[in-house]
Amino acid sequence: MKVFKDILYRVQIEAVVGSTSVSINKLQFDSRKVELNDAFVAIRGSISDGHKFIEQAVNNGALAVICEEIPEQIVNGVTYVEVKNTQQALAFMAANYYENPSEKLKLIGVTGTNGKTTIATLLYNLFTKAGFKVGLLSTVNVKVGDKAFDAVRTTPDSITINAYLKQMNDEGVEFCFMEVSSHGIDQHRTTALEFAGGIFTNLSHDHLDYHSSFVEYRDVKKRFFDELPASAFALVNTDDKNGQVMLQNTKAQKYTYALKSYADYKAQILENSFTGLLLKVNDQELWTRLIGSFNAYNVLAIYAAAELLGLETLESLKIISELNSVNGRFQYVISAEEKITAIVDYAHTPDALKNVLETINNIRTKNEELITVVGCGGDRDSTKRPKMGHIASALSTKVIFTSDNPRTEDPDKIVEEVEAGVEPQNFKKVTSVTNRKQAIKAACQMAKQNDIILIAGKGHETYQEINGERKDFDDLKIVNGFLKQLNK
């Protein structure tokens, strides 16, 4: 039990009805989960308004209600606290409830359109190999030391974040690396967290189903850096024009990394092949198993962050050279006889798809076909669909458009919107197979000796979401199975 007034520290309170000296059990923002003596926070969401469920929460036993508008019907014995923004209030309350766990470790946030998962996960692996106890909050999973938990979303809600951070405190975790999404920033899920550093990767077309414009999307990302304390570092990619924008108003110590422009941390690609990259990083040569120029940026970011966090340079370089790719990020298998290479990558934005395809084209001899299987998710930003179609058809020798996670949308309609981006000179390259498994099978049947298949969009995901139901689906397992059948 926690004294209610103690967990209201730093919350901007407009009005109070009742006593804040009561003791509460847990914080909840889902009225269905409320139990006796819990505090219910009424969140105005995009789908539903938690204020409509205050009565239900009280009936379930809520002792306190935090809301933006105190209801007309007041229940005796229940404390009502009115605030300007319940999402922001929840963030402070969650941090206070769990005794501000972010202050007791070094929390590093990674934000940007592409590369968040790779950078956060590689930093977790790097510092773990260096002998530290480390935490991870990522799209793929959550880790507390060597314990792994399933991740529900890129940036969890404030209660979940602080609960995991408290668990990390209890386990003696020293560093935690966390993906920070634009949704998470906008919805105040990261408010009240004490960050020791922030990393900006890049910014490109994504999430415009949520943000009203690209400028708004950019400015939400910038807010993360605006709120960093002076004791933190802000590390940004200045080959992206938005890198300097992130630094404009930050109080944090400013550092830059780049491949093409002047920066504090500079890298040059010396060799690029399907076995890895040879880089020159600030006058030091570094071999990495990661592939492609986009991964050169990721490696440079983790090298810079490791140095800023005090890891010795030679130790850092040695461990980076031993790191493997992250699940679903340029993972590949090669068929035994035909030597067909199948690559699975999470690329689900136009920029990410372009990066992966350009990487493959820079490495391949052009004597082989590049067959791309790609689609777009349903109930998400539809404006990127023709762009994905244009990029895939322009940079591949053959393309199969298919389903990603159609969710509640008609998958055939999504495929048609992707097809709309194909230019006339590329029509003959394109086939559409809505069933994703059949599309992957078709790609394997098309492929000849030494050809390359790229299966893009889902990466690490082991499910396909159709009409609200998640069905088992693993791109890597499926393509590997079909390739093995070819050898029989």
Protein backbone atom coordinates (compact mmCIF):
# COMPACT_ATOMS: atom_id res chain seq x y z
CA MET A 1 0.00 0.00 0.00
CA LYS A 2 1.16 3.55 -0.79
CA VAL A 3 0.00 6.85 0.68
CA PHE A 4 -1.91 8.56 -2.11
CA LYS A 5 -0.46 12.04 -1.57
CA ASP A 6 3.08 10.64 -1.86
CA ILE A 7 2.51 9.30 -5.34
CA LEU A 8 0.95 12.63 -6.42
CA TYR A 9 4.34 14.37 -6.11
CA ARG A 10 5.00 16.62 -9.17
CA VAL A 11 1.47 16.06 -10.55
CA GLN A 12 -0.19 19.33 -11.63
CA ILE A 13 -3.41 19.25 -9.61
CA GLU A 14 -6.42 21.42 -10.50
CA ALA A 15 -8.85 20.31 -7.76
CA VAL A 16 -9.31 17.67 -5.06
CA VAL A 17 -12.50 16.19 -3.61
CA GLY A 18 -11.82 13.96 -0.59
CA SER A 19 -8.65 13.07 1.26
CA THR A 20 -5.24 12.39 -0.31
CA SER A 21 -4.01 10.81 2.94
CA VAL A 22 -5.63 7.47 2.12
CA SER A 23 -3.51 4.44 1.26
CA ILE A 24 -3.96 2.87 -2.14
CA ASN A 25 -3.09 -0.56 -3.41
CA LYS A 26 -2.23 -0.31 -7.12
CA LEU A 27 -2.44 2.13 -10.04
CA GLN A 28 -4.79 1.19 -12.87
CA PHE A 29 -5.94 2.86 -16.10
CA ASP A 30 -8.13 -0.07 -17.20
CA SER A 31 -11.36 -0.01 -15.17
CA ARG A 32 -11.81 -3.78 -15.70
CA LYS A 33 -8.61 -4.47 -13.75
CA VAL A 34 -9.47 -2.25 -10.78
CA GLU A 35 -9.62 -4.02 -7.41
CA LEU A 36 -10.30 -2.93 -3.85
CA ASN A 37 -8.41 0.25 -2.82
CA ASP A 38 -6.81 0.81 -6.23
CA ALA A 39 -6.38 4.26 -7.83
CA PHE A 40 -7.99 4.60 -11.26
CA VAL A 41 -6.54 7.02 -13.81
CA ALA A 42 -9.06 8.01 -16.50
CA ILE A 43 -7.17 8.32 -19.80
CA ARG A 44 -8.67 9.93 -22.90
CA GLY A 45 -7.53 7.58 -25.67
CA SER A 46 -8.01 7.57 -29.43
CA ILE A 47 -10.52 4.70 -29.19
CA SER A 48 -12.21 5.19 -25.81
CA ASP A 49 -12.40 7.73 -23.00
CA GLY A 50 -11.56 6.42 -19.54
CA HIS A 51 -13.87 9.03 -17.99
CA LYS A 52 -16.81 6.93 -19.19
CA PHE A 53 -15.63 4.10 -16.96
CA ILE A 54 -15.11 5.99 -13.68
CA GLU A 55 -18.35 4.60 -12.27
CA GLN A 56 -17.31 1.04 -13.18
CA ALA A 57 -13.89 1.56 -11.55
CA VAL A 58 -15.51 2.85 -8.34
CA ASN A 59 -17.93 -0.09 -8.33
CA ASN A 60 -14.93 -2.41 -8.64
CA GLY A 61 -13.40 -0.88 -5.52
CA ALA A 62 -11.39 2.17 -6.62
CA LEU A 63 -10.51 4.33 -3.61
CA ALA A 64 -9.16 7.22 -5.72
CA VAL A 65 -9.90 8.57 -9.19
CA ILE A 66 -7.58 10.81 -11.21
CA CYS A 67 -9.41 12.58 -14.03
CA GLU A 68 -9.49 15.69 -16.21
CA GLU A 69 -13.06 16.43 -15.21
CA ILE A 70 -14.57 15.47 -11.86
CA PRO A 71 -17.85 13.59 -12.44
CA GLU A 72 -21.17 15.04 -11.33
CA GLN A 73 -21.90 12.03 -9.16
CA ILE A 74 -19.46 11.82 -6.26
CA VAL A 75 -19.24 8.67 -4.15
CA ASN A 76 -18.55 9.21 -0.44
CA GLY A 77 -15.22 7.77 0.65
CA VAL A 78 -13.68 8.04 -2.82
CA THR A 79 -11.05 10.72 -3.47
CA TYR A 80 -11.25 12.56 -6.81
CA VAL A 81 -8.24 14.46 -8.17
CA GLU A 82 -8.65 16.70 -11.22
CA VAL A 83 -5.55 17.28 -13.39
CA LYS A 84 -4.91 18.93 -16.74
CA ASN A 85 -3.52 15.82 -18.42
CA THR A 86 -4.11 12.35 -17.02
CA GLN A 87 -1.48 10.72 -19.26
CA GLN A 88 1.15 13.06 -17.82
CA ALA A 89 -0.19 12.56 -14.30
CA LEU A 90 -0.02 8.78 -14.71
CA ALA A 91 3.65 9.03 -15.71
CA PHE A 92 4.59 10.92 -12.53
CA MET A 93 2.40 8.72 -10.36
CA ALA A 94 3.87 5.52 -11.80
CA ALA A 95 7.42 6.79 -11.23
CA ASN A 96 6.59 7.79 -7.65
CA TYR A 97 4.74 4.53 -6.96
CA TYR A 98 7.80 2.50 -7.93
CA GLU A 99 10.18 4.88 -6.08
CA ASN A 100 11.57 6.56 -9.22
CA PRO A 101 13.57 3.55 -10.43
CA SER A 102 15.04 5.30 -13.50
CA GLU A 103 17.15 7.45 -11.16
CA LYS A 104 18.89 4.36 -9.78
CA LEU A 105 20.38 3.15 -13.08
CA LYS A 106 21.64 4.66 -16.34
CA LEU A 107 18.68 4.74 -18.72
CA ILE A 108 19.44 5.39 -22.39
CA GLY A 109 16.61 6.15 -24.83
CA VAL A 110 16.89 5.39 -28.55
CA THR A 111 14.50 7.18 -30.89
CA GLY A 112 14.08 7.67 -34.65
CA THR A 113 12.20 5.95 -37.47
CA ASN A 114 14.60 3.09 -38.19
CA GLY A 115 17.34 1.36 -36.18
CA LYS A 116 15.87 1.70 -32.67
CA THR A 117 15.58 -2.03 -32.00
CA THR A 118 18.99 -2.85 -33.46
CA ILE A 119 20.82 -0.15 -31.50
CA ALA A 120 19.06 -0.82 -28.18
CA THR A 121 19.53 -4.60 -28.49
CA LEU A 122 23.17 -4.39 -29.58
CA LEU A 123 23.93 -2.06 -26.68
CA TYR A 124 22.27 -4.55 -24.32
CA ASN A 125 24.41 -7.35 -25.79
CA LEU A 126 27.58 -5.23 -25.75
CA PHE A 127 27.30 -4.21 -22.11
CA THR A 128 26.24 -7.71 -21.07
CA LYS A 129 29.36 -9.16 -22.73
CA ALA A 130 31.40 -6.45 -20.98
CA GLY A 131 30.29 -7.92 -17.65
CA PHE A 132 27.55 -5.52 -16.60
CA LYS A 133 24.03 -6.37 -15.50
CA VAL A 134 21.83 -4.80 -18.17
CA GLY A 135 18.16 -4.17 -18.94
CA LEU A 136 16.36 -3.82 -22.29
CA LEU A 137 12.97 -2.36 -23.25
CA SER A 138 12.45 -3.04 -26.96
CA THR A 139 9.94 -3.91 -29.66
CA VAL A 140 11.14 -7.52 -29.67
CA ASN A 141 11.30 -8.21 -25.94
CA VAL A 142 12.03 -6.92 -22.46
CA LYS A 143 15.06 -8.16 -20.56
CA VAL A 144 15.96 -7.80 -16.91
CA GLY A 145 19.47 -9.15 -16.71
CA ASP A 146 19.18 -12.58 -18.35
CA LYS A 147 15.41 -12.85 -17.79
CA ALA A 148 13.31 -12.24 -20.91
CA PHE A 149 9.67 -11.12 -21.16
CA ASP A 150 7.40 -10.65 -24.17
CA ALA A 151 7.01 -7.08 -25.40
CA VAL A 152 3.52 -5.77 -26.16
CA ARG A 153 4.46 -2.48 -27.82
CA THR A 154 7.61 -0.49 -28.63
CA THR A 155 7.25 1.85 -25.65
CA PRO A 156 5.06 0.30 -22.91
CA ASP A 157 2.68 2.30 -20.71
CA SER A 158 4.11 4.27 -17.78
CA ILE A 159 3.11 1.71 -15.16
CA THR A 160 4.71 -1.17 -17.06
CA ILE A 161 7.92 0.78 -17.75
CA ASN A 162 8.40 1.73 -14.11
CA ALA A 163 7.49 -1.77 -12.90
CA TYR A 164 10.22 -3.25 -15.12
CA LEU A 165 12.71 -0.57 -14.06
CA LYS A 166 11.95 -1.31 -10.39
CA GLN A 167 12.56 -4.99 -11.09
CA MET A 168 15.87 -3.98 -12.69
CA ASN A 169 16.77 -2.03 -9.54
CA ASP A 170 16.03 -5.09 -7.43
CA GLU A 171 18.20 -7.25 -9.70
CA GLY A 172 21.14 -4.82 -9.57
CA VAL A 173 20.91 -3.66 -13.20
CA GLU A 174 23.34 -0.80 -13.96
CA PHE A 175 22.35 0.15 -17.53
CA CYS A 176 19.02 -0.03 -19.36
CA PHE A 177 18.58 0.58 -23.09
CA MET A 178 15.10 1.56 -24.19
CA GLU A 179 13.36 2.17 -27.50
CA VAL A 180 11.43 5.43 -27.39
CA SER A 181 8.61 5.72 -29.94
CA SER A 182 6.86 8.89 -31.06
CA HIS A 183 3.61 7.47 -29.64
CA GLY A 184 5.34 6.92 -26.30
CA ILE A 185 6.64 10.50 -26.19
CA ASP A 186 3.35 12.05 -27.32
CA GLN A 187 1.35 10.05 -24.77
CA HIS A 188 3.75 10.97 -21.94
CA ARG A 189 4.82 7.35 -21.34
CA THR A 190 8.44 8.52 -20.97
CA THR A 191 7.59 11.62 -18.90
CA ALA A 192 9.05 11.47 -15.37
CA LEU A 193 11.82 9.07 -16.42
CA GLU A 194 15.39 10.19 -15.72
CA PHE A 195 17.44 9.53 -18.86
CA ALA A 196 21.23 9.43 -18.80
CA GLY A 197 21.36 9.72 -22.57
CA GLY A 198 19.39 9.87 -25.80
CA ILE A 199 20.26 8.58 -29.27
CA PHE A 200 18.65 9.80 -32.50
CA THR A 201 18.92 7.49 -35.53
CA ASN A 202 17.04 9.09 -38.45
CA LEU A 203 13.62 10.34 -39.48
CA SER A 204 11.54 9.27 -42.47
CA HIS A 205 7.93 8.67 -43.50
CA ASP A 206 6.07 6.72 -40.79
CA HIS A 207 3.16 6.96 -38.35
CA LEU A 208 1.33 9.68 -40.29
CA ASP A 209 -1.87 7.80 -39.43
CA TYR A 210 -1.24 9.05 -35.87
CA HIS A 211 0.61 12.34 -36.36
CA SER A 212 -1.10 15.02 -38.44
CA SER A 213 2.07 15.87 -40.39
CA PHE A 214 5.74 15.03 -40.75
CA VAL A 215 6.61 18.25 -38.91
CA GLU A 216 4.51 17.17 -35.94
CA TYR A 217 6.14 13.71 -36.02
CA ARG A 218 9.59 15.37 -36.02
CA ASP A 219 8.71 17.79 -33.24
CA VAL A 220 7.42 15.00 -31.00
CA LYS A 221 10.78 13.24 -31.39
CA LYS A 222 12.53 16.54 -30.65
CA ARG A 223 10.58 16.87 -27.41
CA PHE A 224 12.40 13.84 -26.06
CA PHE A 225 15.73 15.67 -26.46
CA ASP A 226 14.29 18.96 -25.19
CA GLU A 227 13.47 17.20 -21.92
CA LEU A 228 16.85 15.53 -21.36
CA PRO A 229 18.67 16.86 -18.26
CA ALA A 230 22.00 18.69 -18.44
CA SER A 231 23.73 15.64 -16.95
CA ALA A 232 22.70 13.47 -19.93
CA PHE A 233 24.20 13.14 -23.41
CA ALA A 234 22.36 13.66 -26.71
CA LEU A 235 23.91 11.64 -29.54
CA VAL A 236 22.47 12.28 -33.01
CA ASN A 237 23.05 11.19 -36.60
CA THR A 238 23.95 14.38 -38.49
CA ASP A 239 23.80 12.73 -41.91
CA ASP A 240 20.07 13.06 -41.32
CA LYS A 241 19.07 16.72 -41.63
CA ASN A 242 16.84 16.34 -38.57
CA GLY A 243 19.80 15.46 -36.36
CA GLN A 244 20.68 19.08 -35.70
CA VAL A 245 16.99 19.87 -35.10
CA MET A 246 17.02 17.40 -32.19
CA LEU A 247 19.90 19.31 -30.60
CA GLN A 248 18.43 22.82 -30.94
CA ASN A 249 16.97 23.18 -27.45
CA THR A 250 18.45 20.31 -25.50
CA LYS A 251 20.25 20.98 -22.21
CA ALA A 252 22.15 17.68 -22.60
CA GLN A 253 25.77 17.41 -23.72
CA LYS A 254 25.75 17.30 -27.54
CA TYR A 255 27.52 14.66 -29.64
CA THR A 256 27.19 13.68 -33.30
CA TYR A 257 27.91 10.66 -35.48
CA ALA A 258 27.98 10.34 -39.29
CA LEU A 259 29.36 8.52 -42.31
CA LYS A 260 29.14 11.39 -44.81
CA SER A 261 29.57 14.63 -42.84
CA TYR A 262 31.77 16.04 -40.10
CA ALA A 263 30.94 14.56 -36.70
CA ASP A 264 32.42 13.68 -33.31
CA TYR A 265 32.18 10.00 -34.25
CA LYS A 266 32.99 9.25 -37.90
CA ALA A 267 33.01 5.97 -39.83
CA GLN A 268 34.06 4.92 -43.31
CA ILE A 269 32.99 1.69 -45.02
CA LEU A 270 36.10 -0.12 -46.28
CA GLU A 271 34.42 -3.41 -47.24
CA ASN A 272 30.75 -4.41 -47.56
CA SER A 273 29.75 -8.04 -48.18
CA PHE A 274 27.19 -10.66 -47.13
CA THR A 275 29.64 -11.75 -44.43
CA GLY A 276 29.81 -8.30 -42.81
CA LEU A 277 31.37 -4.84 -42.84
CA LEU A 278 34.91 -3.59 -42.45
CA LEU A 279 34.76 -0.07 -41.02
CA LYS A 280 37.23 2.61 -40.11
CA VAL A 281 35.83 4.20 -36.94
CA ASN A 282 37.70 7.25 -35.64
CA ASP A 283 41.03 5.87 -37.01
CA GLN A 284 40.36 2.36 -35.68
CA GLU A 285 39.53 -0.55 -38.01
CA LEU A 286 36.52 -2.61 -36.98
CA TRP A 287 35.08 -5.78 -38.49
CA THR A 288 31.41 -6.46 -37.78
CA ARG A 289 29.10 -9.31 -38.77
CA LEU A 290 26.34 -6.80 -39.45
CA ILE A 291 25.63 -6.06 -43.11
CA GLY A 292 24.94 -2.89 -45.08
CA SER A 293 25.47 0.85 -44.81
CA PHE A 294 22.42 1.29 -42.55
CA ASN A 295 24.11 -1.06 -40.09
CA ALA A 296 27.29 0.99 -40.35
CA TYR A 297 25.27 3.80 -38.74
CA ASN A 298 23.95 1.43 -36.08
CA VAL A 299 27.44 0.16 -35.24
CA LEU A 300 28.80 3.71 -35.10
CA ALA A 301 25.98 4.72 -32.74
CA ILE A 302 26.66 1.86 -30.31
CA TYR A 303 30.41 2.51 -30.45
CA ALA A 304 29.83 6.19 -29.60
CA ALA A 305 27.29 5.44 -26.86
CA ALA A 306 29.60 2.87 -25.28
CA GLU A 307 32.42 5.41 -25.13
CA LEU A 308 30.12 8.08 -23.68
CA LEU A 309 29.05 5.59 -21.01
CA GLY A 310 32.66 4.90 -20.07
CA LEU A 311 33.45 1.60 -21.79
CA GLU A 312 37.11 1.25 -22.75
CA THR A 313 37.61 1.69 -26.51
CA LEU A 314 39.57 -1.50 -27.33
CA GLU A 315 37.22 -3.65 -25.26
CA SER A 316 34.26 -2.05 -26.98
CA LEU A 317 35.72 -2.69 -30.47
CA LYS A 318 36.50 -6.31 -29.63
CA ILE A 319 32.98 -7.04 -28.36
CA ILE A 320 31.28 -5.21 -31.26
CA SER A 321 33.18 -7.45 -33.69
CA GLU A 322 31.60 -10.48 -31.96
CA LEU A 323 27.98 -9.24 -32.02
CA ASN A 324 25.40 -10.92 -34.25
CA SER A 325 22.45 -9.36 -36.03
CA VAL A 326 19.24 -8.78 -34.09
CA ASN A 327 16.30 -11.14 -34.75
CA GLY A 328 14.43 -10.15 -37.89
CA ARG A 329 17.01 -7.56 -38.93
CA PHE A 330 18.78 -8.75 -42.09
CA GLN A 331 18.64 -12.37 -40.95
CA TYR A 332 19.40 -14.77 -43.75
CA VAL A 333 19.50 -18.45 -44.67
CA ILE A 334 21.18 -20.04 -47.71
CA SER A 335 19.81 -23.17 -49.39
CA ALA A 336 22.25 -26.08 -49.38
CA GLU A 337 22.33 -26.94 -53.09
CA GLU A 338 21.02 -23.98 -55.09
CA LYS A 339 22.75 -21.42 -52.85
CA ILE A 340 19.64 -19.25 -52.85
CA THR A 341 19.95 -16.55 -50.17
CA ALA A 342 16.73 -15.64 -48.34
CA ILE A 343 16.85 -12.49 -46.21
CA VAL A 344 14.18 -11.60 -43.63
CA ASP A 345 14.04 -7.98 -42.51
CA TYR A 346 11.62 -5.84 -40.48
CA ALA A 347 11.77 -3.04 -43.09
CA HIS A 348 8.20 -1.69 -42.98
CA THR A 349 8.79 1.96 -43.89
CA PRO A 350 9.78 3.35 -47.31
CA ASP A 351 13.20 4.46 -46.05
CA ALA A 352 13.97 1.15 -44.34
CA LEU A 353 12.95 -0.84 -47.43
CA LYS A 354 15.08 1.40 -49.65
CA ASN A 355 18.08 0.94 -47.33
CA VAL A 356 17.82 -2.85 -47.35
CA LEU A 357 17.32 -3.10 -51.12
CA GLU A 358 20.21 -0.71 -51.83
CA THR A 359 22.42 -2.69 -49.46
CA ILE A 360 21.65 -5.94 -51.31
CA ASN A 361 22.16 -4.29 -54.71
CA ASN A 362 25.52 -2.87 -53.62
CA ILE A 363 26.71 -6.34 -52.62
CA ARG A 364 25.25 -8.63 -55.31
CA THR A 365 27.00 -9.24 -58.64
CA LYS A 366 23.89 -8.39 -60.74
CA ASN A 367 24.11 -11.86 -62.36
CA GLU A 368 21.41 -13.05 -59.96
CA GLU A 369 17.79 -12.05 -59.48
CA LEU A 370 16.63 -10.02 -56.46
CA ILE A 371 13.08 -11.17 -55.64
CA THR A 372 11.28 -9.06 -53.04
CA VAL A 373 8.20 -10.16 -51.08
CA VAL A 374 6.59 -7.19 -49.33
CA GLY A 375 3.27 -5.77 -48.15
CA CYS A 376 1.94 -3.11 -45.77
CA GLY A 377 0.10 -3.38 -42.46
CA GLY A 378 -3.59 -2.63 -42.13
CA ASP A 379 -5.07 0.07 -39.85
CA ARG A 380 -1.85 2.04 -40.18
CA ASP A 381 -0.53 4.92 -42.29
CA SER A 382 -1.94 4.19 -45.76
CA THR A 383 -0.05 7.03 -47.48
CA LYS A 384 3.20 5.06 -47.39
CA ARG A 385 1.74 2.09 -49.34
CA PRO A 386 2.32 3.39 -52.91
CA LYS A 387 5.79 4.57 -51.85
CA MET A 388 6.62 1.05 -50.70
CA GLY A 389 5.35 -0.30 -54.02
CA HIS A 390 7.42 2.19 -55.99
CA ILE A 391 10.64 1.43 -54.08
CA ALA A 392 10.24 -2.35 -54.16
CA SER A 393 9.52 -2.44 -57.91
CA ALA A 394 12.27 0.04 -58.81
CA LEU A 395 15.04 -1.65 -56.83
CA SER A 396 14.19 -5.35 -57.34
CA THR A 397 14.29 -7.55 -60.43
CA LYS A 398 11.03 -9.25 -59.39
CA VAL A 399 8.44 -8.29 -56.78
CA ILE A 400 5.58 -10.14 -55.10
CA PHE A 401 3.14 -7.89 -53.25
CA THR A 402 1.36 -9.65 -50.40
CA SER A 403 -0.23 -9.26 -46.95
CA ASP A 404 1.66 -8.03 -43.93
CA ASN A 405 -0.63 -7.76 -40.88
CA PRO A 406 -3.92 -6.72 -42.53
CA ARG A 407 -5.62 -6.43 -39.12
CA THR A 408 -9.20 -5.26 -39.79
CA GLU A 409 -8.61 -4.07 -43.37
CA ASP A 410 -9.27 -5.98 -46.59
CA PRO A 411 -5.84 -7.40 -47.58
CA ASP A 412 -6.67 -7.26 -51.31
CA LYS A 413 -7.39 -3.52 -50.99
CA ILE A 414 -4.05 -2.95 -49.22
CA VAL A 415 -2.22 -4.79 -52.00
CA GLU A 416 -3.98 -2.64 -54.62
CA GLU A 417 -2.81 0.53 -52.82
CA VAL A 418 0.77 -0.79 -52.80
CA GLU A 419 0.52 -1.63 -56.52
CA ALA A 420 -0.57 1.97 -57.24
CA GLY A 421 3.01 3.15 -56.69
CA VAL A 422 4.50 0.99 -59.44
CA GLU A 423 5.64 2.95 -62.49
CA PRO A 424 4.74 1.61 -65.99
CA GLN A 425 8.29 0.48 -66.82
CA ASN A 426 8.20 -1.81 -63.76
CA PHE A 427 4.77 -3.41 -64.34
CA LYS A 428 6.28 -6.57 -65.81
CA LYS A 429 8.31 -7.18 -62.62
CA VAL A 430 5.25 -7.33 -60.38
CA THR A 431 3.10 -10.24 -59.19
CA SER A 432 0.53 -10.06 -56.38
CA VAL A 433 -0.21 -13.02 -54.12
CA THR A 434 -2.35 -11.89 -51.16
CA ASN A 435 -1.71 -15.02 -49.05
CA ARG A 436 1.70 -14.36 -47.47
CA LYS A 437 2.69 -18.02 -47.16
CA GLN A 438 1.86 -18.64 -50.81
CA ALA A 439 3.77 -15.48 -51.78
CA ILE A 440 6.90 -16.77 -50.02
CA LYS A 441 6.43 -20.16 -51.70
CA ALA A 442 6.12 -18.46 -55.10
CA ALA A 443 9.35 -16.51 -54.49
CA CYS A 444 11.20 -19.74 -53.67
CA GLN A 445 9.84 -21.40 -56.82
CA MET A 446 10.88 -18.40 -58.95
CA ALA A 447 14.40 -18.36 -57.55
CA LYS A 448 17.25 -20.01 -59.43
CA GLN A 449 20.80 -20.76 -58.36
CA ASN A 450 22.46 -17.90 -56.42
CA ASP A 451 19.34 -15.71 -56.53
CA ILE A 452 18.39 -13.54 -53.54
CA ILE A 453 14.96 -13.37 -51.89
CA LEU A 454 14.08 -10.49 -49.57
CA ILE A 455 11.04 -10.97 -47.35
CA ALA A 456 10.32 -7.56 -45.83
CA GLY A 457 7.96 -6.03 -43.30
CA LYS A 458 7.51 -8.45 -40.41
CA GLY A 459 11.04 -9.40 -39.38
CA HIS A 460 11.06 -10.78 -35.84
CA GLU A 461 7.27 -11.15 -35.62
CA THR A 462 6.10 -14.74 -35.19
CA TYR A 463 2.45 -14.04 -35.96
CA GLN A 464 0.16 -12.58 -38.59
CA GLU A 465 -2.76 -10.45 -37.39
CA ILE A 466 -5.97 -10.91 -39.38
CA ASN A 467 -9.37 -9.60 -38.22
CA GLY A 468 -8.19 -9.17 -34.62
CA GLU A 469 -6.77 -12.70 -34.42
CA ARG A 470 -3.05 -13.48 -34.22
CA LYS A 471 -2.04 -16.64 -36.05
CA ASP A 472 1.38 -18.27 -35.89
CA PHE A 473 3.53 -16.99 -38.76
CA ASP A 474 7.33 -16.80 -38.90
CA ASP A 475 8.83 -15.57 -42.18
CA LEU A 476 12.24 -17.12 -41.48
CA LYS A 477 10.85 -20.57 -40.61
CA ILE A 478 8.50 -20.56 -43.59
CA VAL A 479 11.08 -19.56 -46.19
CA ASN A 480 13.62 -21.98 -44.71
CA GLY A 481 11.04 -24.78 -45.02
CA PHE A 482 10.31 -24.01 -48.68
CA LEU A 483 14.03 -23.77 -49.52
CA LYS A 484 14.62 -27.20 -47.98
CA GLN A 485 11.81 -28.63 -50.12
CA LEU A 486 13.59 -27.34 -53.24
CA ASN A 487 16.61 -29.45 -52.36
CA LYS A 488 14.62 -32.70 -52.15
